[in-house]
Amino acid sequence: MKTMKPFFAPAIFFAFLSCASTQDLTTNDGSSMEKAIRVASVAKEYEIVREKCGGCKMKSQSLTFDDKKQPFDILTLVKPNGEEVKYYFNISKFYGRF
């Protein structure tokens, strides 16, 4: 069992770190790249979009980079009234790490 300890300590640390968030969700509302929501997974993006835009339908998802080469996902949704809305997510926490 001692051989497993080196694996569990970093795993627990990174699991805790991915759950911790210091961003202010009123400032980081996802309305622009400057106000992008930081996430640790695509699943979290979809969870946030469901909370923020209930009844919306996904139109598109695209990947872009800012001038500092940080990656962002842009989710474009259509509200029930036909209005389009975009949510920006900073995905630098996990993009390119697979």
PDB file of N, CA and C in Angstrom:
ATOM      1  N   MET A   1       0.811  -1.192   0.000  1.00  0.00           N
ATOM      2  CA  MET A   1       0.000   0.000   0.000  1.00  0.00           C
ATOM      3  C   MET A   1       0.861   1.266   0.000  1.00  0.00           C
ATOM      4  N   LYS A   2       2.103   1.162   0.472  1.00  0.00           N
ATOM      5  CA  LYS A   2       2.981   2.323   0.503  1.00  0.00           C
ATOM      6  C   LYS A   2       3.293   2.833  -0.899  1.00  0.00           C
ATOM      7  N   THR A   3       3.266   1.970  -1.883  1.00  0.00           N
ATOM      8  CA  THR A   3       3.560   2.397  -3.247  1.00  0.00           C
ATOM      9  C   THR A   3       2.450   3.265  -3.818  1.00  0.00           C
ATOM     10  N   MET A   4       1.270   3.240  -3.248  1.00  0.00           N
ATOM     11  CA  MET A   4       0.148   4.033  -3.739  1.00  0.00           C
ATOM     12  C   MET A   4       0.144   5.452  -3.182  1.00  0.00           C
ATOM     13  N   LYS A   5       0.797   5.703  -2.050  1.00  0.00           N
ATOM     14  CA  LYS A   5       0.780   7.022  -1.415  1.00  0.00           C
ATOM     15  C   LYS A   5       1.271   8.136  -2.331  1.00  0.00           C
ATOM     16  N   PRO A   6       2.368   7.942  -3.079  1.00  0.00           N
ATOM     17  CA  PRO A   6       2.816   9.024  -3.956  1.00  0.00           C
ATOM     18  C   PRO A   6       1.769   9.414  -4.997  1.00  0.00           C
ATOM     19  N   PHE A   7       0.914   8.501  -5.376  1.00  0.00           N
ATOM     20  CA  PHE A   7      -0.128   8.811  -6.351  1.00  0.00           C
ATOM     21  C   PHE A   7      -1.277   9.583  -5.713  1.00  0.00           C
ATOM     22  N   PHE A   8      -1.695   9.168  -4.526  1.00  0.00           N
ATOM     23  CA  PHE A   8      -2.879   9.763  -3.905  1.00  0.00           C
ATOM     24  C   PHE A   8      -2.673  11.198  -3.450  1.00  0.00           C
ATOM     25  N   ALA A   9      -1.523  11.535  -2.921  1.00  0.00           N
ATOM     26  CA  ALA A   9      -1.290  12.898  -2.439  1.00  0.00           C
ATOM     27  C   ALA A   9      -1.438  13.923  -3.562  1.00  0.00           C
ATOM     28  N   PRO A  10      -0.756  13.756  -4.703  1.00  0.00           N
ATOM     29  CA  PRO A  10      -0.956  14.723  -5.793  1.00  0.00           C
ATOM     30  C   PRO A  10      -2.382  14.699  -6.346  1.00  0.00           C
ATOM     31  N   ALA A  11      -2.993  13.531  -6.410  1.00  0.00           N
ATOM     32  CA  ALA A  11      -4.359  13.442  -6.938  1.00  0.00           C
ATOM     33  C   ALA A  11      -5.322  14.225  -6.066  1.00  0.00           C
ATOM     34  N   ILE A  12      -5.188  14.090  -4.758  1.00  0.00           N
ATOM     35  CA  ILE A  12      -6.059  14.828  -3.841  1.00  0.00           C
ATOM     36  C   ILE A  12      -5.784  16.321  -3.945  1.00  0.00           C
ATOM     37  N   PHE A  13      -4.522  16.703  -4.026  1.00  0.00           N
ATOM     38  CA  PHE A  13      -4.166  18.109  -4.151  1.00  0.00           C
ATOM     39  C   PHE A  13      -4.783  18.730  -5.401  1.00  0.00           C
ATOM     40  N   PHE A  14      -4.632  18.071  -6.551  1.00  0.00           N
ATOM     41  CA  PHE A  14      -5.158  18.623  -7.795  1.00  0.00           C
ATOM     42  C   PHE A  14      -6.681  18.603  -7.838  1.00  0.00           C
ATOM     43  N   ALA A  15      -7.296  17.613  -7.226  1.00  0.00           N
ATOM     44  CA  ALA A  15      -8.763  17.590  -7.147  1.00  0.00           C
ATOM     45  C   ALA A  15      -9.256  18.774  -6.330  1.00  0.00           C
ATOM     46  N   PHE A  16      -8.602  19.052  -5.218  1.00  0.00           N
ATOM     47  CA  PHE A  16      -8.975  20.194  -4.389  1.00  0.00           C
ATOM     48  C   PHE A  16      -8.740  21.494  -5.140  1.00  0.00           C
ATOM     49  N   LEU A  17      -7.609  21.598  -5.803  1.00  0.00           N
ATOM     50  CA  LEU A  17      -7.267  22.801  -6.538  1.00  0.00           C
ATOM     51  C   LEU A  17      -8.268  23.089  -7.644  1.00  0.00           C
ATOM     52  N   SER A  18      -8.734  22.070  -8.342  1.00  0.00           N
ATOM     53  CA  SER A  18      -9.683  22.287  -9.431  1.00  0.00           C
ATOM     54  C   SER A  18     -11.047  22.722  -8.916  1.00  0.00           C
ATOM     55  N   CYS A  19     -11.369  22.391  -7.670  1.00  0.00           N
ATOM     56  CA  CYS A  19     -12.646  22.802  -7.088  1.00  0.00           C
ATOM     57  C   CYS A  19     -12.581  24.216  -6.540  1.00  0.00           C
ATOM     58  N   ALA A  20     -11.410  24.659  -6.151  1.00  0.00           N
ATOM     59  CA  ALA A  20     -11.267  25.991  -5.574  1.00  0.00           C
ATOM     60  C   ALA A  20     -11.372  27.034  -6.672  1.00  0.00           C
ATOM     61  N   SER A  21     -12.084  28.098  -6.371  1.00  0.00           N
ATOM     62  CA  SER A  21     -12.244  29.159  -7.354  1.00  0.00           C
ATOM     63  C   SER A  21     -12.204  30.498  -6.647  1.00  0.00           C
ATOM     64  N   THR A  22     -11.367  31.395  -7.133  1.00  0.00           N
ATOM     65  CA  THR A  22     -11.276  32.715  -6.531  1.00  0.00           C
ATOM     66  C   THR A  22     -11.935  33.764  -7.403  1.00  0.00           C
ATOM     67  N   GLN A  23     -12.520  33.372  -8.511  1.00  0.00           N
ATOM     68  CA  GLN A  23     -13.094  34.361  -9.406  1.00  0.00           C
ATOM     69  C   GLN A  23     -14.426  34.867  -8.880  1.00  0.00           C
ATOM     70  N   ASP A  24     -14.706  36.107  -9.157  1.00  0.00           N
ATOM     71  CA  ASP A  24     -15.956  36.743  -8.780  1.00  0.00           C
ATOM     72  C   ASP A  24     -16.932  36.536  -9.931  1.00  0.00           C
ATOM     73  N   LEU A  25     -17.985  35.758  -9.700  1.00  0.00           N
ATOM     74  CA  LEU A  25     -18.913  35.429 -10.783  1.00  0.00           C
ATOM     75  C   LEU A  25     -19.740  36.622 -11.232  1.00  0.00           C
ATOM     76  N   THR A  26     -19.772  37.714 -10.468  1.00  0.00           N
ATOM     77  CA  THR A  26     -20.466  38.906 -10.944  1.00  0.00           C
ATOM     78  C   THR A  26     -19.591  39.641 -11.949  1.00  0.00           C
ATOM     79  N   THR A  27     -18.271  39.590 -11.757  1.00  0.00           N
ATOM     80  CA  THR A  27     -17.341  40.205 -12.705  1.00  0.00           C
ATOM     81  C   THR A  27     -17.092  39.264 -13.875  1.00  0.00           C
ATOM     82  N   ASN A  28     -16.880  38.004 -13.588  1.00  0.00           N
ATOM     83  CA  ASN A  28     -16.628  37.004 -14.618  1.00  0.00           C
ATOM     84  C   ASN A  28     -17.950  36.351 -15.010  1.00  0.00           C
ATOM     85  N   ASP A  29     -18.761  37.111 -15.746  1.00  0.00           N
ATOM     86  CA  ASP A  29     -20.092  36.621 -16.117  1.00  0.00           C
ATOM     87  C   ASP A  29     -20.120  35.902 -17.459  1.00  0.00           C
ATOM     88  N   GLY A  30     -18.968  35.846 -18.155  1.00  0.00           N
ATOM     89  CA  GLY A  30     -18.895  35.138 -19.427  1.00  0.00           C
ATOM     90  C   GLY A  30     -19.367  35.939 -20.623  1.00  0.00           C
ATOM     91  N   SER A  31     -19.599  37.235 -20.431  1.00  0.00           N
ATOM     92  CA  SER A  31     -20.136  38.057 -21.514  1.00  0.00           C
ATOM     93  C   SER A  31     -19.082  38.499 -22.529  1.00  0.00           C
ATOM     94  N   SER A  32     -17.806  38.307 -22.210  1.00  0.00           N
ATOM     95  CA  SER A  32     -16.721  38.687 -23.121  1.00  0.00           C
ATOM     96  C   SER A  32     -15.463  37.906 -22.733  1.00  0.00           C
ATOM     97  N   MET A  33     -14.416  38.020 -23.547  1.00  0.00           N
ATOM     98  CA  MET A  33     -13.156  37.358 -23.202  1.00  0.00           C
ATOM     99  C   MET A  33     -12.587  37.953 -21.920  1.00  0.00           C
ATOM    100  N   GLU A  34     -12.742  39.263 -21.751  1.00  0.00           N
ATOM    101  CA  GLU A  34     -12.237  39.921 -20.553  1.00  0.00           C
ATOM    102  C   GLU A  34     -12.972  39.459 -19.301  1.00  0.00           C
ATOM    103  N   LYS A  35     -14.219  39.031 -19.460  1.00  0.00           N
ATOM    104  CA  LYS A  35     -15.045  38.582 -18.333  1.00  0.00           C
ATOM    105  C   LYS A  35     -15.321  37.081 -18.401  1.00  0.00           C
ATOM    106  N   ALA A  36     -14.420  36.353 -19.060  1.00  0.00           N
ATOM    107  CA  ALA A  36     -14.608  34.911 -19.255  1.00  0.00           C
ATOM    108  C   ALA A  36     -14.663  34.172 -17.921  1.00  0.00           C
ATOM    109  N   ILE A  37     -15.447  33.116 -17.905  1.00  0.00           N
ATOM    110  CA  ILE A  37     -15.572  32.257 -16.738  1.00  0.00           C
ATOM    111  C   ILE A  37     -14.487  31.190 -16.829  1.00  0.00           C
ATOM    112  N   ARG A  38     -13.689  31.064 -15.771  1.00  0.00           N
ATOM    113  CA  ARG A  38     -12.636  30.039 -15.751  1.00  0.00           C
ATOM    114  C   ARG A  38     -13.255  28.705 -15.365  1.00  0.00           C
ATOM    115  N   VAL A  39     -12.965  27.690 -16.156  1.00  0.00           N
ATOM    116  CA  VAL A  39     -13.499  26.350 -15.895  1.00  0.00           C
ATOM    117  C   VAL A  39     -12.387  25.318 -16.003  1.00  0.00           C
ATOM    118  N   ALA A  40     -12.657  24.145 -15.421  1.00  0.00           N
ATOM    119  CA  ALA A  40     -11.672  23.065 -15.447  1.00  0.00           C
ATOM    120  C   ALA A  40     -12.093  21.925 -16.356  1.00  0.00           C
ATOM    121  N   SER A  41     -13.258  22.067 -17.028  1.00  0.00           N
ATOM    122  CA  SER A  41     -13.713  21.011 -17.935  1.00  0.00           C
ATOM    123  C   SER A  41     -14.826  21.538 -18.833  1.00  0.00           C
ATOM    124  N   VAL A  42     -15.021  20.851 -19.940  1.00  0.00           N
ATOM    125  CA  VAL A  42     -16.132  21.184 -20.836  1.00  0.00           C
ATOM    126  C   VAL A  42     -17.455  20.898 -20.139  1.00  0.00           C
ATOM    127  N   ALA A  43     -17.499  19.841 -19.350  1.00  0.00           N
ATOM    128  CA  ALA A  43     -18.727  19.509 -18.613  1.00  0.00           C
ATOM    129  C   ALA A  43     -19.153  20.672 -17.722  1.00  0.00           C
ATOM    130  N   LYS A  44     -18.183  21.356 -17.108  1.00  0.00           N
ATOM    131  CA  LYS A  44     -18.500  22.513 -16.257  1.00  0.00           C
ATOM    132  C   LYS A  44     -19.056  23.654 -17.103  1.00  0.00           C
ATOM    133  N   GLU A  45     -18.550  23.835 -18.320  1.00  0.00           N
ATOM    134  CA  GLU A  45     -19.089  24.860 -19.219  1.00  0.00           C
ATOM    135  C   GLU A  45     -20.584  24.630 -19.430  1.00  0.00           C
ATOM    136  N   TYR A  46     -20.934  23.390 -19.770  1.00  0.00           N
ATOM    137  CA  TYR A  46     -22.331  23.065 -20.044  1.00  0.00           C
ATOM    138  C   TYR A  46     -23.199  23.218 -18.797  1.00  0.00           C
ATOM    139  N   GLU A  47     -22.657  22.868 -17.643  1.00  0.00           N
ATOM    140  CA  GLU A  47     -23.394  23.021 -16.386  1.00  0.00           C
ATOM    141  C   GLU A  47     -23.708  24.500 -16.134  1.00  0.00           C
ATOM    142  N   ILE A  48     -22.718  25.362 -16.319  1.00  0.00           N
ATOM    143  CA  ILE A  48     -22.904  26.797 -16.107  1.00  0.00           C
ATOM    144  C   ILE A  48     -23.904  27.366 -17.101  1.00  0.00           C
ATOM    145  N   VAL A  49     -23.806  26.960 -18.366  1.00  0.00           N
ATOM    146  CA  VAL A  49     -24.727  27.459 -19.389  1.00  0.00           C
ATOM    147  C   VAL A  49     -26.164  27.043 -19.072  1.00  0.00           C
ATOM    148  N   ARG A  50     -26.346  25.810 -18.607  1.00  0.00           N
ATOM    149  CA  ARG A  50     -27.700  25.366 -18.230  1.00  0.00           C
ATOM    150  C   ARG A  50     -28.264  26.226 -17.108  1.00  0.00           C
ATOM    151  N   GLU A  51     -27.411  26.599 -16.142  1.00  0.00           N
ATOM    152  CA  GLU A  51     -27.849  27.443 -15.031  1.00  0.00           C
ATOM    153  C   GLU A  51     -28.161  28.858 -15.493  1.00  0.00           C
ATOM    154  N   LYS A  52     -27.318  29.415 -16.360  1.00  0.00           N
ATOM    155  CA  LYS A  52     -27.458  30.803 -16.779  1.00  0.00           C
ATOM    156  C   LYS A  52     -28.508  31.009 -17.863  1.00  0.00           C
ATOM    157  N   CYS A  53     -28.748  29.991 -18.667  1.00  0.00           N
ATOM    158  CA  CYS A  53     -29.611  30.174 -19.839  1.00  0.00           C
ATOM    159  C   CYS A  53     -30.551  28.981 -19.988  1.00  0.00           C
ATOM    160  N   GLY A  54     -31.411  28.801 -19.009  1.00  0.00           N
ATOM    161  CA  GLY A  54     -32.373  27.705 -19.063  1.00  0.00           C
ATOM    162  C   GLY A  54     -33.281  27.827 -20.277  1.00  0.00           C
ATOM    163  N   GLY A  55     -33.506  26.740 -20.952  1.00  0.00           N
ATOM    164  CA  GLY A  55     -34.359  26.747 -22.137  1.00  0.00           C
ATOM    165  C   GLY A  55     -33.639  27.117 -23.421  1.00  0.00           C
ATOM    166  N   CYS A  56     -32.375  27.478 -23.320  1.00  0.00           N
ATOM    167  CA  CYS A  56     -31.599  27.834 -24.515  1.00  0.00           C
ATOM    168  C   CYS A  56     -31.183  26.575 -25.265  1.00  0.00           C
ATOM    169  N   LYS A  57     -30.967  26.754 -26.559  1.00  0.00           N
ATOM    170  CA  LYS A  57     -30.476  25.657 -27.395  1.00  0.00           C
ATOM    171  C   LYS A  57     -29.099  26.030 -27.928  1.00  0.00           C
ATOM    172  N   MET A  58     -28.215  25.046 -27.946  1.00  0.00           N
ATOM    173  CA  MET A  58     -26.855  25.257 -28.432  1.00  0.00           C
ATOM    174  C   MET A  58     -26.865  25.488 -29.938  1.00  0.00           C
ATOM    175  N   LYS A  59     -26.220  26.563 -30.356  1.00  0.00           N
ATOM    176  CA  LYS A  59     -26.069  26.835 -31.782  1.00  0.00           C
ATOM    177  C   LYS A  59     -24.670  26.432 -32.244  1.00  0.00           C
ATOM    178  N   SER A  60     -23.644  26.842 -31.471  1.00  0.00           N
ATOM    179  CA  SER A  60     -22.276  26.494 -31.856  1.00  0.00           C
ATOM    180  C   SER A  60     -21.335  26.594 -30.664  1.00  0.00           C
ATOM    181  N   GLN A  61     -20.185  25.962 -30.838  1.00  0.00           N
ATOM    182  CA  GLN A  61     -19.099  26.053 -29.869  1.00  0.00           C
ATOM    183  C   GLN A  61     -17.830  26.248 -30.675  1.00  0.00           C
ATOM    184  N   SER A  62     -17.044  27.255 -30.298  1.00  0.00           N
ATOM    185  CA  SER A  62     -15.816  27.514 -31.045  1.00  0.00           C
ATOM    186  C   SER A  62     -14.657  27.780 -30.097  1.00  0.00           C
ATOM    187  N   LEU A  63     -13.473  27.549 -30.604  1.00  0.00           N
ATOM    188  CA  LEU A  63     -12.237  27.758 -29.860  1.00  0.00           C
ATOM    189  C   LEU A  63     -11.533  28.969 -30.446  1.00  0.00           C
ATOM    190  N   THR A  64     -11.051  29.842 -29.565  1.00  0.00           N
ATOM    191  CA  THR A  64     -10.288  31.003 -30.004  1.00  0.00           C
ATOM    192  C   THR A  64      -9.187  31.273 -28.984  1.00  0.00           C
ATOM    193  N   PHE A  65      -8.270  32.154 -29.341  1.00  0.00           N
ATOM    194  CA  PHE A  65      -7.157  32.501 -28.461  1.00  0.00           C
ATOM    195  C   PHE A  65      -7.062  34.015 -28.362  1.00  0.00           C
ATOM    196  N   ASP A  66      -6.680  34.512 -27.186  1.00  0.00           N
ATOM    197  CA  ASP A  66      -6.476  35.947 -27.046  1.00  0.00           C
ATOM    198  C   ASP A  66      -5.052  36.297 -27.476  1.00  0.00           C
ATOM    199  N   ASP A  67      -4.683  37.569 -27.334  1.00  0.00           N
ATOM    200  CA  ASP A  67      -3.353  37.995 -27.774  1.00  0.00           C
ATOM    201  C   ASP A  67      -2.220  37.410 -26.930  1.00  0.00           C
ATOM    202  N   LYS A  68      -2.556  36.855 -25.759  1.00  0.00           N
ATOM    203  CA  LYS A  68      -1.557  36.181 -24.915  1.00  0.00           C
ATOM    204  C   LYS A  68      -1.539  34.675 -25.171  1.00  0.00           C
ATOM    205  N   LYS A  69      -2.276  34.260 -26.193  1.00  0.00           N
ATOM    206  CA  LYS A  69      -2.381  32.851 -26.597  1.00  0.00           C
ATOM    207  C   LYS A  69      -3.084  31.979 -25.560  1.00  0.00           C
ATOM    208  N   GLN A  70      -3.942  32.601 -24.740  1.00  0.00           N
ATOM    209  CA  GLN A  70      -4.771  31.829 -23.817  1.00  0.00           C
ATOM    210  C   GLN A  70      -5.985  31.313 -24.580  1.00  0.00           C
ATOM    211  N   PRO A  71      -6.358  30.048 -24.353  1.00  0.00           N
ATOM    212  CA  PRO A  71      -7.494  29.470 -25.074  1.00  0.00           C
ATOM    213  C   PRO A  71      -8.837  29.810 -24.418  1.00  0.00           C
ATOM    214  N   PHE A  72      -9.829  30.031 -25.273  1.00  0.00           N
ATOM    215  CA  PHE A  72     -11.189  30.320 -24.825  1.00  0.00           C
ATOM    216  C   PHE A  72     -12.175  29.512 -25.655  1.00  0.00           C
ATOM    217  N   ASP A  73     -13.185  28.990 -24.998  1.00  0.00           N
ATOM    218  CA  ASP A  73     -14.332  28.401 -25.684  1.00  0.00           C
ATOM    219  C   ASP A  73     -15.421  29.458 -25.727  1.00  0.00           C
ATOM    220  N   ILE A  74     -16.079  29.573 -26.868  1.00  0.00           N
ATOM    221  CA  ILE A  74     -17.223  30.469 -26.993  1.00  0.00           C
ATOM    222  C   ILE A  74     -18.429  29.609 -27.332  1.00  0.00           C
ATOM    223  N   LEU A  75     -19.403  29.607 -26.441  1.00  0.00           N
ATOM    224  CA  LEU A  75     -20.642  28.867 -26.670  1.00  0.00           C
ATOM    225  C   LEU A  75     -21.707  29.860 -27.096  1.00  0.00           C
ATOM    226  N   THR A  76     -22.267  29.644 -28.275  1.00  0.00           N
ATOM    227  CA  THR A  76     -23.348  30.482 -28.779  1.00  0.00           C
ATOM    228  C   THR A  76     -24.644  29.715 -28.623  1.00  0.00           C
ATOM    229  N   LEU A  77     -25.599  30.350 -27.952  1.00  0.00           N
ATOM    230  CA  LEU A  77     -26.890  29.716 -27.686  1.00  0.00           C
ATOM    231  C   LEU A  77     -28.012  30.578 -28.229  1.00  0.00           C
ATOM    232  N   VAL A  78     -29.162  29.953 -28.418  1.00  0.00           N
ATOM    233  CA  VAL A  78     -30.356  30.669 -28.859  1.00  0.00           C
ATOM    234  C   VAL A  78     -31.395  30.557 -27.753  1.00  0.00           C
ATOM    235  N   LYS A  79     -31.846  31.719 -27.266  1.00  0.00           N
ATOM    236  CA  LYS A  79     -32.875  31.760 -26.227  1.00  0.00           C
ATOM    237  C   LYS A  79     -34.217  31.363 -26.832  1.00  0.00           C
ATOM    238  N   PRO A  80     -35.185  30.989 -26.005  1.00  0.00           N
ATOM    239  CA  PRO A  80     -36.513  30.618 -26.519  1.00  0.00           C
ATOM    240  C   PRO A  80     -37.166  31.708 -27.374  1.00  0.00           C
ATOM    241  N   ASN A  81     -36.816  32.991 -27.118  1.00  0.00           N
ATOM    242  CA  ASN A  81     -37.386  34.091 -27.908  1.00  0.00           C
ATOM    243  C   ASN A  81     -36.633  34.341 -29.212  1.00  0.00           C
ATOM    244  N   GLY A  82     -35.595  33.527 -29.507  1.00  0.00           N
ATOM    245  CA  GLY A  82     -34.836  33.653 -30.749  1.00  0.00           C
ATOM    246  C   GLY A  82     -33.568  34.483 -30.628  1.00  0.00           C
ATOM    247  N   GLU A  83     -33.385  35.160 -29.509  1.00  0.00           N
ATOM    248  CA  GLU A  83     -32.195  35.980 -29.299  1.00  0.00           C
ATOM    249  C   GLU A  83     -30.971  35.089 -29.107  1.00  0.00           C
ATOM    250  N   GLU A  84     -29.857  35.484 -29.730  1.00  0.00           N
ATOM    251  CA  GLU A  84     -28.595  34.756 -29.560  1.00  0.00           C
ATOM    252  C   GLU A  84     -27.811  35.347 -28.401  1.00  0.00           C
ATOM    253  N   VAL A  85     -27.149  34.488 -27.660  1.00  0.00           N
ATOM    254  CA  VAL A  85     -26.300  34.918 -26.551  1.00  0.00           C
ATOM    255  C   VAL A  85     -25.020  34.087 -26.587  1.00  0.00           C
ATOM    256  N   LYS A  86     -23.896  34.724 -26.249  1.00  0.00           N
ATOM    257  CA  LYS A  86     -22.604  34.032 -26.240  1.00  0.00           C
ATOM    258  C   LYS A  86     -22.047  34.037 -24.829  1.00  0.00           C
ATOM    259  N   TYR A  87     -21.432  32.915 -24.470  1.00  0.00           N
ATOM    260  CA  TYR A  87     -20.737  32.786 -23.195  1.00  0.00           C
ATOM    261  C   TYR A  87     -19.292  32.417 -23.479  1.00  0.00           C
ATOM    262  N   TYR A  88     -18.383  33.141 -22.838  1.00  0.00           N
ATOM    263  CA  TYR A  88     -16.950  32.947 -23.019  1.00  0.00           C
ATOM    264  C   TYR A  88     -16.381  32.222 -21.801  1.00  0.00           C
ATOM    265  N   PHE A  89     -15.567  31.196 -22.068  1.00  0.00           N
ATOM    266  CA  PHE A  89     -14.953  30.402 -21.009  1.00  0.00           C
ATOM    267  C   PHE A  89     -13.448  30.351 -21.205  1.00  0.00           C
ATOM    268  N   ASN A  90     -12.710  30.667 -20.154  1.00  0.00           N
ATOM    269  CA  ASN A  90     -11.260  30.526 -20.164  1.00  0.00           C
ATOM    270  C   ASN A  90     -10.966  29.060 -19.858  1.00  0.00           C
ATOM    271  N   ILE A  91     -10.385  28.358 -20.820  1.00  0.00           N
ATOM    272  CA  ILE A  91     -10.150  26.916 -20.677  1.00  0.00           C
ATOM    273  C   ILE A  91      -8.662  26.593 -20.526  1.00  0.00           C
ATOM    274  N   SER A  92      -7.866  27.586 -20.141  1.00  0.00           N
ATOM    275  CA  SER A  92      -6.418  27.376 -20.028  1.00  0.00           C
ATOM    276  C   SER A  92      -6.055  26.355 -18.953  1.00  0.00           C
ATOM    277  N   LYS A  93      -6.960  26.095 -18.025  1.00  0.00           N
ATOM    278  CA  LYS A  93      -6.700  25.126 -16.957  1.00  0.00           C
ATOM    279  C   LYS A  93      -6.566  23.702 -17.492  1.00  0.00           C
ATOM    280  N   PHE A  94      -7.258  23.413 -18.604  1.00  0.00           N
ATOM    281  CA  PHE A  94      -7.216  22.034 -19.097  1.00  0.00           C
ATOM    282  C   PHE A  94      -6.894  21.909 -20.578  1.00  0.00           C
ATOM    283  N   TYR A  95      -6.970  22.960 -21.358  1.00  0.00           N
ATOM    284  CA  TYR A  95      -6.742  22.864 -22.797  1.00  0.00           C
ATOM    285  C   TYR A  95      -5.301  22.439 -23.092  1.00  0.00           C
ATOM    286  N   GLY A  96      -5.156  21.436 -23.938  1.00  0.00           N
ATOM    287  CA  GLY A  96      -3.840  20.966 -24.353  1.00  0.00           C
ATOM    288  C   GLY A  96      -3.127  20.089 -23.337  1.00  0.00           C
ATOM    289  N   ARG A  97      -3.828  19.674 -22.297  1.00  0.00           N
ATOM    290  CA  ARG A  97      -3.196  18.871 -21.252  1.00  0.00           C
ATOM    291  C   ARG A  97      -3.538  17.388 -21.364  1.00  0.00           C
ATOM    292  N   PHE A  98      -4.122  16.972 -22.471  1.00  0.00           N
ATOM    293  CA  PHE A  98      -4.513  15.562 -22.620  1.00  0.00           C
ATOM    294  C   PHE A  98      -3.536  14.839 -23.504  1.00  0.00           C
TER     295      PHE A  98
END
